[in-house]
Every structure is written in structure tokens, then in C-alpha cells.
Amino acid sequence: MPPAPARILVVDDHPIVRWGLDKLFAAEDDLAVAGEAATADEALQLMGAETFDLVLLDIGLKQGSGLDLIGQIRAQYDDLPVLVLSMYQERFYAERVLRAGAQGFVTKQGDPRAVVEAIRRVLGGDLYVSDALADELVLRAVEGPDGGGPAVEHLSDREAEVVRFIGGGLTTREIAGELNLSVKTIESYRANVKRKLGLKSGAELARFAYDWSSRSMGVEAG
């Protein structure tokens, strides 16, 4: 008999994305959606109750942090591979998710077959990023990071998350609720971001966050 298909846990807060992935994997003999979650808490509950071969997750969850979830998976299920599937462009987030402990990054804007290829590569024990990003990471390792101008790459992972939420129009209180942190803590992150990026006001921070969020999703900011 052929081997059982790999059991994939899909973590994404958009039902239509989960539906589409289920249809995509249904056409593959070696892959199957074995669980779905819309939040980090739901995903952890499923992982505690069932066995999965891979977690396919979006870091842009509405409830909880995808980056935090990667860290929790690494702490509790060290051998469980994680592949990030995100609407954000690879160059803005791939290095962060790899540092957090994921085994790869693939964008939602690409060919669906790339998702299948990425899953098979990660299940085979490899890391997965696009060839273009792999070349960029090698070049950056040789030449060193670009130190000129304000860039979100200068921020910590948590600061980058706060910028993403600001760019999405959330208030400080709303961001605190999303990340389960105090308003005072979010205000501290905002201050750190402004200091690191040389921004003088909340309005400048909001504009930077909106522009960066637009670029990271491949949208031209207006």
C-alpha cells in the first residue's frame, strides 16, 4: 500500500484560504489537510490533541502572533517543521521567520505549485526560500547589512509586529489586545520604533507604518 499522506495543520484566519489549501492538497496523493485553526490558541490546542507532520501558518493572524506561535512550537514540538505562507513579501519577513525557528517561507501571491514544492522540501528536511532570496541572503552575509536609512530590518521582531499593526490602522489599545500586552508596553515599543527610525511624531510613525505595510504586501502606497 502507498504511504499515508503527510498530515498538515493549516493556521490561517481567512476561511477562504483554508478552503483553497484543502482543495489544493486534495489533488496530491502525499499531502492532506488534517487540521485547521484560525488563531494561535486553536493551533496549540490541536497540536496537543493530534499528531501532525507539518504546520503551515500565516504570521499575520488577527488573534495572537504568528512569530510567537513559531517560538511556542519550537519549544513544545521541536521536531515539528513549520512553513510560513504569507501575503507579505518574502524579503520583508522570511529572514525573521527563519530566525524564529520556521523551516521556510512562501508567499500567497505566487504559483500554488510553489506551496506544494515548499512543503515537500521542508518535509524532506530542507529549508525553503525562493532562489532570489537565497542569493540575497548569501550576498548580505558576504557584504554585511545595509546600514543606510530607516528600515524595518533594524527593528526587533516585536517592534516589527507593532509597525505592521499600526500600518493596518489599529490603535495602541487594539494592538495591546491583539498581542496580549499592556497599553504601556505597546507605547514603549512605539517609542523605540520612532527612536530607531528617526521619526519625530506619531503621525510620521503612522505614515511610515502604512507605507511599509503597503510595500511588504506588494502594494504601491499612495
N, C-alpha and C. Protein backbone atom coordinates (compact mmCIF):
# COMPACT_ATOMS: atom_id res chain seq x y z
N MET A 1 0.84 -1.20 0.00
CA MET A 1 0.00 0.00 0.00
C MET A 1 0.88 1.25 0.00
N PRO A 2 0.41 2.33 -0.67
CA PRO A 2 1.19 3.57 -0.66
C PRO A 2 1.22 4.17 0.74
N PRO A 3 2.26 4.94 1.06
CA PRO A 3 2.33 5.57 2.39
C PRO A 3 1.20 6.57 2.59
N ALA A 4 0.82 6.75 3.86
CA ALA A 4 -0.23 7.72 4.20
C ALA A 4 0.26 9.12 3.87
N PRO A 5 -0.64 10.00 3.43
CA PRO A 5 -0.22 11.38 3.12
C PRO A 5 0.23 12.11 4.37
N ALA A 6 1.13 13.07 4.18
CA ALA A 6 1.60 13.90 5.29
C ALA A 6 0.43 14.70 5.85
N ARG A 7 0.34 14.73 7.18
CA ARG A 7 -0.75 15.43 7.87
C ARG A 7 -0.34 16.88 8.13
N ILE A 8 -1.06 17.80 7.52
CA ILE A 8 -0.72 19.22 7.60
C ILE A 8 -1.75 19.97 8.45
N LEU A 9 -1.26 20.76 9.38
CA LEU A 9 -2.10 21.67 10.15
C LEU A 9 -2.02 23.05 9.51
N VAL A 10 -3.15 23.57 9.05
CA VAL A 10 -3.20 24.89 8.41
C VAL A 10 -3.68 25.91 9.45
N VAL A 11 -2.87 26.95 9.67
CA VAL A 11 -3.20 28.01 10.62
C VAL A 11 -3.32 29.32 9.85
N ASP A 12 -4.55 29.75 9.62
CA ASP A 12 -4.82 30.97 8.85
C ASP A 12 -6.20 31.47 9.25
N ASP A 13 -6.32 32.79 9.45
CA ASP A 13 -7.60 33.31 9.92
C ASP A 13 -8.57 33.64 8.79
N HIS A 14 -8.24 33.29 7.54
CA HIS A 14 -9.14 33.50 6.42
C HIS A 14 -9.73 32.17 5.97
N PRO A 15 -11.03 31.95 6.18
CA PRO A 15 -11.64 30.67 5.80
C PRO A 15 -11.44 30.31 4.34
N ILE A 16 -11.46 31.31 3.45
CA ILE A 16 -11.34 31.01 2.03
C ILE A 16 -9.92 30.49 1.70
N VAL A 17 -8.92 30.96 2.45
CA VAL A 17 -7.55 30.45 2.24
C VAL A 17 -7.48 29.00 2.70
N ARG A 18 -8.06 28.71 3.86
CA ARG A 18 -8.04 27.32 4.35
C ARG A 18 -8.79 26.41 3.38
N TRP A 19 -9.89 26.88 2.84
CA TRP A 19 -10.65 26.10 1.86
C TRP A 19 -9.82 25.84 0.61
N GLY A 20 -9.14 26.88 0.13
CA GLY A 20 -8.34 26.74 -1.07
C GLY A 20 -7.18 25.77 -0.88
N LEU A 21 -6.55 25.81 0.28
CA LEU A 21 -5.45 24.89 0.55
C LEU A 21 -5.95 23.45 0.64
N ASP A 22 -7.11 23.26 1.22
CA ASP A 22 -7.69 21.92 1.28
C ASP A 22 -7.92 21.37 -0.13
N LYS A 23 -8.43 22.22 -1.02
CA LYS A 23 -8.64 21.80 -2.40
C LYS A 23 -7.31 21.54 -3.11
N LEU A 24 -6.32 22.36 -2.86
CA LEU A 24 -5.01 22.20 -3.49
C LEU A 24 -4.39 20.86 -3.10
N PHE A 25 -4.41 20.55 -1.80
CA PHE A 25 -3.76 19.33 -1.33
C PHE A 25 -4.58 18.08 -1.66
N ALA A 26 -5.88 18.24 -1.87
CA ALA A 26 -6.71 17.08 -2.22
C ALA A 26 -6.28 16.46 -3.54
N ALA A 27 -5.62 17.26 -4.38
CA ALA A 27 -5.14 16.75 -5.67
C ALA A 27 -3.79 16.07 -5.56
N GLU A 28 -3.21 16.05 -4.36
CA GLU A 28 -1.88 15.46 -4.15
C GLU A 28 -2.01 14.19 -3.31
N ASP A 29 -1.41 13.10 -3.76
CA ASP A 29 -1.51 11.84 -3.03
C ASP A 29 -0.74 11.85 -1.71
N ASP A 30 0.27 12.71 -1.62
CA ASP A 30 1.15 12.66 -0.45
C ASP A 30 0.89 13.76 0.57
N LEU A 31 -0.13 14.60 0.36
CA LEU A 31 -0.41 15.71 1.26
C LEU A 31 -1.89 15.74 1.61
N ALA A 32 -2.20 16.13 2.86
CA ALA A 32 -3.60 16.23 3.26
C ALA A 32 -3.73 17.22 4.41
N VAL A 33 -4.76 18.06 4.37
CA VAL A 33 -5.07 18.93 5.50
C VAL A 33 -5.72 18.07 6.58
N ALA A 34 -5.03 17.95 7.72
CA ALA A 34 -5.52 17.13 8.82
C ALA A 34 -6.07 17.95 9.97
N GLY A 35 -5.95 19.28 9.87
CA GLY A 35 -6.47 20.17 10.91
C GLY A 35 -6.42 21.61 10.45
N GLU A 36 -7.35 22.42 10.96
CA GLU A 36 -7.41 23.84 10.62
C GLU A 36 -7.59 24.66 11.88
N ALA A 37 -6.92 25.80 11.93
CA ALA A 37 -7.04 26.71 13.06
C ALA A 37 -7.01 28.14 12.55
N ALA A 38 -7.75 29.01 13.22
CA ALA A 38 -7.79 30.42 12.84
C ALA A 38 -6.95 31.29 13.78
N THR A 39 -6.57 30.75 14.95
CA THR A 39 -5.80 31.51 15.92
C THR A 39 -4.65 30.66 16.46
N ALA A 40 -3.71 31.33 17.13
CA ALA A 40 -2.58 30.61 17.72
C ALA A 40 -3.06 29.65 18.80
N ASP A 41 -4.02 30.09 19.62
CA ASP A 41 -4.53 29.22 20.69
C ASP A 41 -5.18 27.97 20.12
N GLU A 42 -5.98 28.11 19.07
CA GLU A 42 -6.62 26.95 18.45
C GLU A 42 -5.56 26.00 17.91
N ALA A 43 -4.52 26.55 17.31
CA ALA A 43 -3.46 25.71 16.74
C ALA A 43 -2.77 24.90 17.84
N LEU A 44 -2.44 25.54 18.96
CA LEU A 44 -1.77 24.84 20.04
C LEU A 44 -2.66 23.75 20.64
N GLN A 45 -3.97 24.03 20.73
CA GLN A 45 -4.89 23.01 21.22
C GLN A 45 -4.91 21.79 20.31
N LEU A 46 -4.95 22.03 19.01
CA LEU A 46 -4.94 20.91 18.06
C LEU A 46 -3.64 20.12 18.13
N MET A 47 -2.52 20.82 18.26
CA MET A 47 -1.23 20.12 18.34
C MET A 47 -1.13 19.28 19.60
N GLY A 48 -1.82 19.71 20.66
CA GLY A 48 -1.81 18.93 21.89
C GLY A 48 -2.70 17.70 21.81
N ALA A 49 -3.65 17.71 20.88
CA ALA A 49 -4.61 16.60 20.79
C ALA A 49 -4.33 15.64 19.65
N GLU A 50 -3.63 16.12 18.59
CA GLU A 50 -3.41 15.28 17.42
C GLU A 50 -1.95 15.37 16.98
N THR A 51 -1.58 14.50 16.07
CA THR A 51 -0.21 14.47 15.54
C THR A 51 -0.20 15.01 14.11
N PHE A 52 0.72 15.91 13.85
CA PHE A 52 0.86 16.50 12.52
C PHE A 52 2.29 16.34 12.03
N ASP A 53 2.44 16.35 10.72
CA ASP A 53 3.77 16.25 10.11
C ASP A 53 4.36 17.61 9.77
N LEU A 54 3.50 18.63 9.65
CA LEU A 54 3.96 19.98 9.29
C LEU A 54 2.88 20.99 9.65
N VAL A 55 3.31 22.16 10.08
CA VAL A 55 2.39 23.28 10.32
C VAL A 55 2.61 24.32 9.24
N LEU A 56 1.53 24.66 8.54
CA LEU A 56 1.56 25.70 7.51
C LEU A 56 0.81 26.88 8.08
N LEU A 57 1.51 27.98 8.35
CA LEU A 57 0.85 29.08 9.06
C LEU A 57 1.13 30.44 8.44
N ASP A 58 0.19 31.34 8.67
CA ASP A 58 0.32 32.75 8.28
C ASP A 58 0.72 33.53 9.52
N ILE A 59 1.77 34.35 9.43
CA ILE A 59 2.20 35.11 10.60
C ILE A 59 1.28 36.28 10.89
N GLY A 60 0.43 36.67 9.91
CA GLY A 60 -0.46 37.82 10.09
C GLY A 60 -1.79 37.42 10.67
N LEU A 61 -1.81 36.73 11.81
CA LEU A 61 -3.06 36.31 12.43
C LEU A 61 -3.74 37.50 13.11
N LYS A 62 -5.06 37.50 13.13
CA LYS A 62 -5.80 38.58 13.78
C LYS A 62 -5.77 38.45 15.29
N GLN A 63 -5.68 37.22 15.78
CA GLN A 63 -5.59 36.97 17.22
C GLN A 63 -4.31 36.22 17.51
N GLY A 64 -3.44 36.85 18.27
CA GLY A 64 -2.16 36.23 18.57
C GLY A 64 -1.11 36.55 17.53
N SER A 65 0.12 36.16 17.82
CA SER A 65 1.25 36.47 16.96
C SER A 65 1.76 35.21 16.28
N GLY A 66 1.87 35.25 14.97
CA GLY A 66 2.43 34.13 14.24
C GLY A 66 3.87 33.86 14.60
N LEU A 67 4.65 34.93 14.81
CA LEU A 67 6.04 34.76 15.20
C LEU A 67 6.15 34.13 16.58
N ASP A 68 5.29 34.57 17.51
CA ASP A 68 5.27 33.95 18.83
C ASP A 68 4.88 32.47 18.74
N LEU A 69 3.92 32.17 17.86
CA LEU A 69 3.47 30.79 17.70
C LEU A 69 4.62 29.89 17.21
N ILE A 70 5.43 30.41 16.30
CA ILE A 70 6.58 29.63 15.84
C ILE A 70 7.48 29.29 17.02
N GLY A 71 7.74 30.28 17.87
CA GLY A 71 8.57 30.04 19.05
C GLY A 71 7.96 29.02 19.99
N GLN A 72 6.64 29.07 20.18
CA GLN A 72 5.98 28.11 21.05
C GLN A 72 6.05 26.70 20.46
N ILE A 73 5.90 26.60 19.15
CA ILE A 73 6.01 25.28 18.51
C ILE A 73 7.42 24.73 18.70
N ARG A 74 8.42 25.58 18.51
CA ARG A 74 9.79 25.11 18.68
C ARG A 74 10.04 24.65 20.11
N ALA A 75 9.45 25.34 21.08
CA ALA A 75 9.67 24.99 22.48
C ALA A 75 8.96 23.69 22.87
N GLN A 76 7.77 23.44 22.29
CA GLN A 76 6.96 22.30 22.71
C GLN A 76 7.05 21.11 21.76
N TYR A 77 7.30 21.39 20.48
CA TYR A 77 7.31 20.32 19.47
C TYR A 77 8.53 20.54 18.58
N ASP A 78 9.68 20.26 19.13
CA ASP A 78 10.93 20.65 18.48
C ASP A 78 11.11 20.06 17.09
N ASP A 79 10.57 18.83 16.88
CA ASP A 79 10.77 18.16 15.59
C ASP A 79 9.68 18.46 14.57
N LEU A 80 8.70 19.28 14.93
CA LEU A 80 7.58 19.56 14.03
C LEU A 80 7.95 20.72 13.10
N PRO A 81 8.10 20.49 11.81
CA PRO A 81 8.50 21.57 10.89
C PRO A 81 7.39 22.59 10.68
N VAL A 82 7.79 23.84 10.48
CA VAL A 82 6.87 24.95 10.26
C VAL A 82 7.23 25.64 8.96
N LEU A 83 6.23 25.82 8.12
CA LEU A 83 6.39 26.57 6.88
C LEU A 83 5.43 27.75 6.92
N VAL A 84 5.94 28.95 6.69
CA VAL A 84 5.11 30.15 6.71
C VAL A 84 4.59 30.45 5.31
N LEU A 85 3.28 30.65 5.22
CA LEU A 85 2.62 31.06 3.97
C LEU A 85 1.97 32.40 4.24
N SER A 86 2.46 33.45 3.60
CA SER A 86 2.03 34.80 3.98
C SER A 86 1.76 35.68 2.77
N MET A 87 0.89 36.68 2.98
CA MET A 87 0.65 37.65 1.93
C MET A 87 1.78 38.68 1.88
N TYR A 88 2.63 38.72 2.92
CA TYR A 88 3.73 39.67 2.94
C TYR A 88 4.87 39.19 2.04
N GLN A 89 5.56 40.13 1.45
CA GLN A 89 6.64 39.79 0.54
C GLN A 89 7.78 39.13 1.30
N GLU A 90 8.41 38.18 0.64
CA GLU A 90 9.44 37.36 1.26
C GLU A 90 10.57 38.18 1.85
N ARG A 91 11.02 39.19 1.13
CA ARG A 91 12.21 39.93 1.57
C ARG A 91 11.99 40.68 2.87
N PHE A 92 10.72 40.93 3.26
CA PHE A 92 10.45 41.66 4.48
C PHE A 92 10.34 40.75 5.70
N TYR A 93 9.99 39.48 5.50
CA TYR A 93 9.70 38.63 6.66
C TYR A 93 10.44 37.29 6.68
N ALA A 94 10.93 36.81 5.57
CA ALA A 94 11.48 35.45 5.54
C ALA A 94 12.62 35.27 6.53
N GLU A 95 13.53 36.21 6.59
CA GLU A 95 14.67 36.06 7.50
C GLU A 95 14.21 36.03 8.95
N ARG A 96 13.18 36.82 9.26
CA ARG A 96 12.66 36.83 10.64
C ARG A 96 12.05 35.49 11.02
N VAL A 97 11.27 34.91 10.12
CA VAL A 97 10.61 33.65 10.48
C VAL A 97 11.63 32.51 10.56
N LEU A 98 12.68 32.57 9.75
CA LEU A 98 13.73 31.56 9.85
C LEU A 98 14.47 31.68 11.17
N ARG A 99 14.75 32.90 11.61
CA ARG A 99 15.38 33.10 12.91
C ARG A 99 14.47 32.62 14.04
N ALA A 100 13.16 32.78 13.87
CA ALA A 100 12.21 32.36 14.90
C ALA A 100 12.13 30.84 15.01
N GLY A 101 12.56 30.13 13.97
CA GLY A 101 12.55 28.68 14.03
C GLY A 101 11.76 27.98 12.95
N ALA A 102 11.20 28.74 12.00
CA ALA A 102 10.49 28.11 10.88
C ALA A 102 11.51 27.53 9.90
N GLN A 103 11.02 26.61 9.07
CA GLN A 103 11.88 25.96 8.09
C GLN A 103 11.72 26.53 6.67
N GLY A 104 10.84 27.52 6.52
CA GLY A 104 10.70 28.09 5.19
C GLY A 104 9.64 29.17 5.13
N PHE A 105 9.60 29.84 3.99
CA PHE A 105 8.67 30.95 3.76
C PHE A 105 8.25 30.92 2.30
N VAL A 106 6.95 31.01 2.05
CA VAL A 106 6.43 31.07 0.69
C VAL A 106 5.30 32.09 0.67
N THR A 107 5.18 32.84 -0.42
CA THR A 107 4.19 33.91 -0.48
C THR A 107 2.87 33.43 -1.09
N LYS A 108 1.78 34.05 -0.66
CA LYS A 108 0.47 33.73 -1.20
C LYS A 108 0.29 34.26 -2.61
N GLN A 109 1.12 35.23 -3.00
CA GLN A 109 0.97 35.81 -4.33
C GLN A 109 1.54 34.92 -5.44
N GLY A 110 2.30 33.89 -5.06
CA GLY A 110 2.97 33.08 -6.06
C GLY A 110 2.11 31.96 -6.62
N ASP A 111 2.73 31.14 -7.42
CA ASP A 111 2.08 29.98 -8.02
C ASP A 111 1.72 28.98 -6.92
N PRO A 112 0.48 28.48 -6.87
CA PRO A 112 0.12 27.48 -5.86
C PRO A 112 1.04 26.27 -5.85
N ARG A 113 1.63 25.93 -7.01
CA ARG A 113 2.54 24.79 -7.05
C ARG A 113 3.78 25.03 -6.21
N ALA A 114 4.11 26.31 -6.01
CA ALA A 114 5.27 26.62 -5.16
C ALA A 114 5.01 26.22 -3.71
N VAL A 115 3.75 26.31 -3.29
CA VAL A 115 3.40 25.89 -1.92
C VAL A 115 3.62 24.39 -1.77
N VAL A 116 3.17 23.64 -2.76
CA VAL A 116 3.34 22.18 -2.73
C VAL A 116 4.83 21.83 -2.72
N GLU A 117 5.60 22.49 -3.59
CA GLU A 117 7.04 22.23 -3.64
C GLU A 117 7.70 22.57 -2.31
N ALA A 118 7.32 23.71 -1.72
CA ALA A 118 7.92 24.13 -0.45
C ALA A 118 7.62 23.12 0.65
N ILE A 119 6.38 22.64 0.71
CA ILE A 119 6.02 21.66 1.73
C ILE A 119 6.85 20.39 1.57
N ARG A 120 6.98 19.91 0.35
CA ARG A 120 7.74 18.68 0.13
C ARG A 120 9.22 18.88 0.48
N ARG A 121 9.76 20.05 0.18
CA ARG A 121 11.15 20.32 0.52
C ARG A 121 11.34 20.33 2.03
N VAL A 122 10.44 21.00 2.74
CA VAL A 122 10.55 21.08 4.20
C VAL A 122 10.34 19.71 4.84
N LEU A 123 9.37 18.94 4.34
CA LEU A 123 9.16 17.59 4.86
C LEU A 123 10.38 16.71 4.63
N GLY A 124 11.13 17.02 3.58
CA GLY A 124 12.35 16.28 3.28
C GLY A 124 13.55 16.70 4.10
N GLY A 125 13.35 17.68 4.98
CA GLY A 125 14.43 18.11 5.86
C GLY A 125 15.19 19.33 5.42
N ASP A 126 14.75 19.98 4.32
CA ASP A 126 15.44 21.16 3.80
C ASP A 126 14.75 22.43 4.28
N LEU A 127 15.48 23.54 4.21
CA LEU A 127 14.89 24.86 4.35
C LEU A 127 14.37 25.30 2.99
N TYR A 128 13.34 26.18 2.99
CA TYR A 128 12.81 26.65 1.72
C TYR A 128 12.65 28.16 1.72
N VAL A 129 13.33 28.81 0.78
CA VAL A 129 13.06 30.19 0.39
C VAL A 129 13.24 30.21 -1.13
N SER A 130 12.78 31.28 -1.75
CA SER A 130 12.94 31.38 -3.20
C SER A 130 14.42 31.48 -3.56
N ASP A 131 14.76 31.14 -4.79
CA ASP A 131 16.14 31.26 -5.25
C ASP A 131 16.63 32.71 -5.15
N ALA A 132 15.74 33.65 -5.44
CA ALA A 132 16.14 35.07 -5.41
C ALA A 132 16.52 35.48 -4.00
N LEU A 133 15.72 35.06 -3.00
CA LEU A 133 16.03 35.44 -1.63
C LEU A 133 17.29 34.71 -1.15
N ALA A 134 17.45 33.46 -1.54
CA ALA A 134 18.66 32.73 -1.14
C ALA A 134 19.90 33.47 -1.62
N ASP A 135 19.87 33.97 -2.85
CA ASP A 135 21.01 34.73 -3.38
C ASP A 135 21.22 36.01 -2.57
N GLU A 136 20.11 36.68 -2.22
CA GLU A 136 20.20 37.92 -1.47
C GLU A 136 20.79 37.69 -0.09
N LEU A 137 20.40 36.60 0.57
CA LEU A 137 20.91 36.30 1.91
C LEU A 137 22.40 35.99 1.87
N VAL A 138 22.83 35.27 0.83
CA VAL A 138 24.26 34.99 0.69
C VAL A 138 25.03 36.29 0.47
N LEU A 139 24.51 37.16 -0.40
CA LEU A 139 25.17 38.43 -0.67
C LEU A 139 25.24 39.28 0.59
N ARG A 140 24.16 39.28 1.38
CA ARG A 140 24.14 40.06 2.62
C ARG A 140 25.16 39.51 3.62
N ALA A 141 25.31 38.20 3.65
CA ALA A 141 26.28 37.60 4.57
C ALA A 141 27.71 37.98 4.19
N VAL A 142 27.95 38.13 2.88
CA VAL A 142 29.29 38.48 2.40
C VAL A 142 29.57 39.97 2.58
N GLU A 143 28.60 40.80 2.21
CA GLU A 143 28.82 42.25 2.19
C GLU A 143 28.41 42.94 3.48
N GLY A 144 27.59 42.28 4.31
CA GLY A 144 27.09 42.91 5.52
C GLY A 144 25.79 43.62 5.23
N PRO A 145 24.95 43.85 6.29
CA PRO A 145 23.66 44.50 6.09
C PRO A 145 23.81 45.96 5.69
N ASP A 146 22.83 46.44 4.99
CA ASP A 146 22.81 47.84 4.57
C ASP A 146 22.47 48.71 5.77
N GLY A 147 23.36 49.61 6.14
CA GLY A 147 23.12 50.43 7.31
C GLY A 147 22.52 51.78 7.02
N GLY A 148 22.19 52.07 5.80
CA GLY A 148 21.73 53.41 5.47
C GLY A 148 20.24 53.56 5.47
N GLY A 149 19.76 54.64 6.10
CA GLY A 149 18.35 54.99 6.01
C GLY A 149 17.46 54.18 6.93
N PRO A 150 16.27 54.72 7.25
CA PRO A 150 15.36 53.99 8.12
C PRO A 150 14.84 52.74 7.42
N ALA A 151 14.92 51.59 8.09
CA ALA A 151 14.46 50.34 7.51
C ALA A 151 13.89 49.47 8.61
N VAL A 152 12.83 48.77 8.32
CA VAL A 152 12.20 47.93 9.32
C VAL A 152 13.11 46.79 9.74
N GLU A 153 14.12 46.46 8.93
CA GLU A 153 15.05 45.41 9.30
C GLU A 153 15.83 45.76 10.56
N HIS A 154 15.89 47.03 10.93
CA HIS A 154 16.61 47.45 12.13
C HIS A 154 15.81 47.17 13.39
N LEU A 155 14.55 46.80 13.27
CA LEU A 155 13.68 46.62 14.42
C LEU A 155 13.71 45.18 14.92
N SER A 156 13.36 45.01 16.20
CA SER A 156 13.17 43.66 16.73
C SER A 156 11.91 43.06 16.12
N ASP A 157 11.74 41.75 16.29
CA ASP A 157 10.55 41.10 15.74
C ASP A 157 9.28 41.70 16.33
N ARG A 158 9.26 41.95 17.64
CA ARG A 158 8.06 42.52 18.27
C ARG A 158 7.81 43.93 17.77
N GLU A 159 8.86 44.73 17.62
CA GLU A 159 8.68 46.08 17.10
C GLU A 159 8.14 46.05 15.68
N ALA A 160 8.62 45.11 14.88
CA ALA A 160 8.12 44.99 13.50
C ALA A 160 6.64 44.60 13.50
N GLU A 161 6.23 43.76 14.44
CA GLU A 161 4.81 43.40 14.54
C GLU A 161 3.97 44.61 14.88
N VAL A 162 4.45 45.43 15.81
CA VAL A 162 3.71 46.63 16.19
C VAL A 162 3.58 47.57 14.99
N VAL A 163 4.65 47.70 14.21
CA VAL A 163 4.59 48.53 13.00
C VAL A 163 3.55 47.97 12.03
N ARG A 164 3.51 46.66 11.89
CA ARG A 164 2.52 46.04 10.99
C ARG A 164 1.10 46.36 11.42
N PHE A 165 0.85 46.28 12.72
CA PHE A 165 -0.50 46.59 13.22
C PHE A 165 -0.82 48.07 13.06
N ILE A 166 0.15 48.95 13.30
CA ILE A 166 -0.08 50.39 13.10
C ILE A 166 -0.42 50.64 11.64
N GLY A 167 0.33 50.00 10.74
CA GLY A 167 0.06 50.15 9.31
C GLY A 167 -1.31 49.67 8.92
N GLY A 168 -1.86 48.72 9.70
CA GLY A 168 -3.21 48.22 9.44
C GLY A 168 -4.30 49.07 10.06
N GLY A 169 -3.91 50.20 10.71
CA GLY A 169 -4.89 51.12 11.25
C GLY A 169 -5.32 50.85 12.68
N LEU A 170 -4.65 49.95 13.39
CA LEU A 170 -5.05 49.63 14.76
C LEU A 170 -4.53 50.69 15.74
N THR A 171 -5.30 50.94 16.77
CA THR A 171 -4.88 51.86 17.83
C THR A 171 -3.95 51.13 18.79
N THR A 172 -3.31 51.91 19.66
CA THR A 172 -2.41 51.32 20.66
C THR A 172 -3.15 50.31 21.53
N ARG A 173 -4.35 50.65 21.96
CA ARG A 173 -5.14 49.73 22.79
C ARG A 173 -5.51 48.46 22.02
N GLU A 174 -5.86 48.61 20.76
CA GLU A 174 -6.20 47.44 19.95
C GLU A 174 -4.99 46.53 19.73
N ILE A 175 -3.82 47.14 19.52
CA ILE A 175 -2.60 46.34 19.35
C ILE A 175 -2.29 45.59 20.65
N ALA A 176 -2.46 46.27 21.79
CA ALA A 176 -2.22 45.61 23.07
C ALA A 176 -3.13 44.39 23.22
N GLY A 177 -4.38 44.52 22.79
CA GLY A 177 -5.30 43.40 22.87
C GLY A 177 -4.91 42.26 21.95
N GLU A 178 -4.44 42.59 20.75
CA GLU A 178 -4.04 41.55 19.80
C GLU A 178 -2.84 40.75 20.31
N LEU A 179 -1.90 41.43 20.95
CA LEU A 179 -0.66 40.79 21.38
C LEU A 179 -0.67 40.39 22.85
N ASN A 180 -1.80 40.60 23.53
CA ASN A 180 -1.93 40.27 24.95
C ASN A 180 -0.85 40.95 25.79
N LEU A 181 -0.62 42.22 25.48
CA LEU A 181 0.33 43.04 26.21
C LEU A 181 -0.38 44.27 26.76
N SER A 182 0.27 44.97 27.68
CA SER A 182 -0.33 46.18 28.24
C SER A 182 -0.20 47.34 27.26
N VAL A 183 -1.08 48.32 27.42
CA VAL A 183 -1.00 49.53 26.61
C VAL A 183 0.35 50.22 26.82
N LYS A 184 0.82 50.22 28.07
CA LYS A 184 2.11 50.86 28.38
C LYS A 184 3.25 50.18 27.62
N THR A 185 3.19 48.85 27.51
CA THR A 185 4.24 48.13 26.78
C THR A 185 4.22 48.49 25.30
N ILE A 186 3.01 48.58 24.72
CA ILE A 186 2.92 48.95 23.30
C ILE A 186 3.41 50.37 23.09
N GLU A 187 3.11 51.27 24.01
CA GLU A 187 3.61 52.65 23.91
C GLU A 187 5.13 52.66 23.95
N SER A 188 5.72 51.77 24.75
CA SER A 188 7.18 51.68 24.81
C SER A 188 7.75 51.19 23.48
N TYR A 189 7.09 50.19 22.87
CA TYR A 189 7.53 49.72 21.56
C TYR A 189 7.43 50.83 20.51
N ARG A 190 6.34 51.59 20.57
CA ARG A 190 6.17 52.70 19.62
C ARG A 190 7.32 53.70 19.77
N ALA A 191 7.66 54.01 21.01
CA ALA A 191 8.75 54.96 21.25
C ALA A 191 10.08 54.41 20.73
N ASN A 192 10.32 53.13 20.93
CA ASN A 192 11.55 52.51 20.43
C ASN A 192 11.63 52.58 18.91
N VAL A 193 10.49 52.32 18.25
CA VAL A 193 10.46 52.36 16.79
C VAL A 193 10.78 53.77 16.30
N LYS A 194 10.15 54.76 16.89
CA LYS A 194 10.40 56.15 16.47
C LYS A 194 11.87 56.51 16.67
N ARG A 195 12.45 56.08 17.79
CA ARG A 195 13.85 56.39 18.05
C ARG A 195 14.77 55.71 17.03
N LYS A 196 14.54 54.42 16.79
CA LYS A 196 15.41 53.68 15.87
C LYS A 196 15.31 54.18 14.43
N LEU A 197 14.13 54.63 14.05
CA LEU A 197 13.93 55.04 12.66
C LEU A 197 14.01 56.55 12.46
N GLY A 198 14.28 57.28 13.54
CA GLY A 198 14.42 58.72 13.41
C GLY A 198 13.12 59.43 13.11
N LEU A 199 12.02 58.92 13.61
CA LEU A 199 10.70 59.52 13.38
C LEU A 199 10.35 60.40 14.57
N LYS A 200 9.81 61.58 14.29
CA LYS A 200 9.64 62.57 15.35
C LYS A 200 8.25 62.61 15.96
N SER A 201 7.27 62.02 15.31
CA SER A 201 5.90 62.14 15.81
C SER A 201 5.11 60.87 15.53
N GLY A 202 3.95 60.79 16.18
CA GLY A 202 3.05 59.67 15.91
C GLY A 202 2.56 59.67 14.48
N ALA A 203 2.39 60.86 13.91
CA ALA A 203 1.92 60.96 12.52
C ALA A 203 2.98 60.40 11.56
N GLU A 204 4.26 60.72 11.83
CA GLU A 204 5.33 60.18 10.98
C GLU A 204 5.41 58.66 11.12
N LEU A 205 5.21 58.17 12.34
CA LEU A 205 5.22 56.72 12.55
C LEU A 205 4.07 56.05 11.80
N ALA A 206 2.90 56.65 11.87
CA ALA A 206 1.74 56.08 11.17
C ALA A 206 1.98 56.05 9.67
N ARG A 207 2.56 57.11 9.12
CA ARG A 207 2.83 57.14 7.68
C ARG A 207 3.86 56.10 7.29
N PHE A 208 4.95 56.02 8.09
CA PHE A 208 5.97 55.01 7.80
C PHE A 208 5.35 53.61 7.86
N ALA A 209 4.54 53.35 8.88
CA ALA A 209 3.94 52.03 9.05
C ALA A 209 3.02 51.69 7.88
N TYR A 210 2.24 52.67 7.44
CA TYR A 210 1.34 52.43 6.31
C TYR A 210 2.14 52.15 5.03
N ASP A 211 3.17 52.97 4.79
CA ASP A 211 3.98 52.78 3.58
C ASP A 211 4.68 51.43 3.60
N TRP A 212 5.26 51.06 4.76
CA TRP A 212 5.97 49.79 4.85
C TRP A 212 5.01 48.61 4.68
N SER A 213 3.85 48.69 5.32
CA SER A 213 2.87 47.61 5.19
C SER A 213 2.44 47.45 3.74
N SER A 214 2.25 48.57 3.04
CA SER A 214 1.85 48.52 1.64
C SER A 214 2.94 47.88 0.79
N ARG A 215 4.19 48.28 1.01
CA ARG A 215 5.30 47.72 0.23
C ARG A 215 5.47 46.23 0.53
N SER A 216 5.33 45.85 1.80
CA SER A 216 5.56 44.46 2.16
C SER A 216 4.49 43.53 1.58
N MET A 217 3.34 44.09 1.22
CA MET A 217 2.31 43.31 0.57
C MET A 217 2.31 43.50 -0.93
N GLY A 218 3.31 44.24 -1.45
CA GLY A 218 3.41 44.43 -2.89
C GLY A 218 2.43 45.46 -3.42
N VAL A 219 1.98 46.38 -2.56
CA VAL A 219 1.01 47.41 -2.94
C VAL A 219 1.72 48.75 -2.95
N GLU A 220 1.49 49.53 -3.97
CA GLU A 220 2.10 50.87 -4.05
C GLU A 220 1.35 51.80 -3.12
N ALA A 221 2.05 52.36 -2.13
CA ALA A 221 1.42 53.29 -1.19
C ALA A 221 1.08 54.58 -1.88
N GLY A 222 -0.08 55.14 -1.50
CA GLY A 222 -0.48 56.39 -2.11
C GLY A 222 -0.18 57.58 -1.25
